[in-house]
Amino acid sequence: MLGWSVMFFVVAIVAAIFGFGGIAGAATGIAKILFMIFIVLFVLSLVSRAIRRS
């Protein structure tokens, strides 16, 4: 999932360089959403691992 987030971020940067504002905005939004989902899942996995150990 982090790979998808990075890919959409790169697409947004390339689109912004070439002046495609709508595409850049959409790709940035998707990258932000995927990154937040990744962070939530990462924290949940850390918490579940900590609970399992104790």
Protein backbone atom coordinates (compact mmCIF):
# COMPACT_ATOMS: atom_id res chain seq x y z
CA MET A 1 0.00 0.00 0.00
CA LEU A 2 2.88 2.33 0.67
CA GLY A 3 4.12 1.57 -2.84
CA TRP A 4 0.79 2.70 -4.30
CA SER A 5 0.95 5.88 -2.26
CA VAL A 6 4.43 6.66 -3.52
CA MET A 7 3.38 5.89 -7.10
CA PHE A 8 0.43 8.31 -6.94
CA PHE A 9 2.70 10.93 -5.36
CA VAL A 10 5.17 10.58 -8.25
CA VAL A 11 2.30 10.81 -10.76
CA ALA A 12 1.12 13.98 -9.02
CA ILE A 13 4.59 15.55 -9.19
CA VAL A 14 5.02 14.68 -12.88
CA ALA A 15 1.53 15.99 -13.69
CA ALA A 16 2.24 19.20 -11.78
CA ILE A 17 5.48 19.71 -13.70
CA PHE A 18 3.67 19.40 -17.03
CA GLY A 19 0.80 21.62 -15.91
CA PHE A 20 -2.02 19.11 -15.56
CA GLY A 21 -3.58 20.66 -12.45
CA GLY A 22 -6.66 18.44 -12.24
CA ILE A 23 -4.71 15.21 -12.59
CA ALA A 24 -2.08 16.39 -10.11
CA GLY A 25 -4.74 17.30 -7.55
CA ALA A 26 -6.53 13.98 -7.93
CA ALA A 27 -3.32 11.95 -7.69
CA THR A 28 -2.22 13.93 -4.64
CA GLY A 29 -5.57 13.29 -2.95
CA ILE A 30 -5.36 9.56 -3.64
CA ALA A 31 -1.76 9.44 -2.39
CA LYS A 32 -2.75 11.20 0.85
CA ILE A 33 -5.65 8.82 1.47
CA LEU A 34 -3.53 5.73 0.79
CA PHE A 35 -0.73 7.04 3.01
CA MET A 36 -3.14 7.66 5.90
CA ILE A 37 -4.59 4.16 5.51
CA PHE A 38 -1.04 2.77 5.54
CA ILE A 39 -0.18 4.68 8.72
CA VAL A 40 -3.35 3.46 10.48
CA LEU A 41 -2.69 -0.15 9.51
CA PHE A 42 0.94 0.16 10.60
CA VAL A 43 -0.01 1.51 14.02
CA LEU A 44 -2.65 -1.20 14.43
CA SER A 45 -0.11 -3.88 13.62
CA LEU A 46 2.35 -2.42 16.15
CA VAL A 47 -0.32 -2.35 18.84
CA SER A 48 -1.47 -5.89 18.11
CA ARG A 49 2.12 -7.14 18.21
CA ALA A 50 2.70 -5.39 21.55
CA ILE A 51 -0.47 -6.91 23.00
CA ARG A 52 0.46 -10.39 21.73
CA ARG A 53 3.91 -10.24 23.35
CA SER A 54 2.61 -9.39 26.80
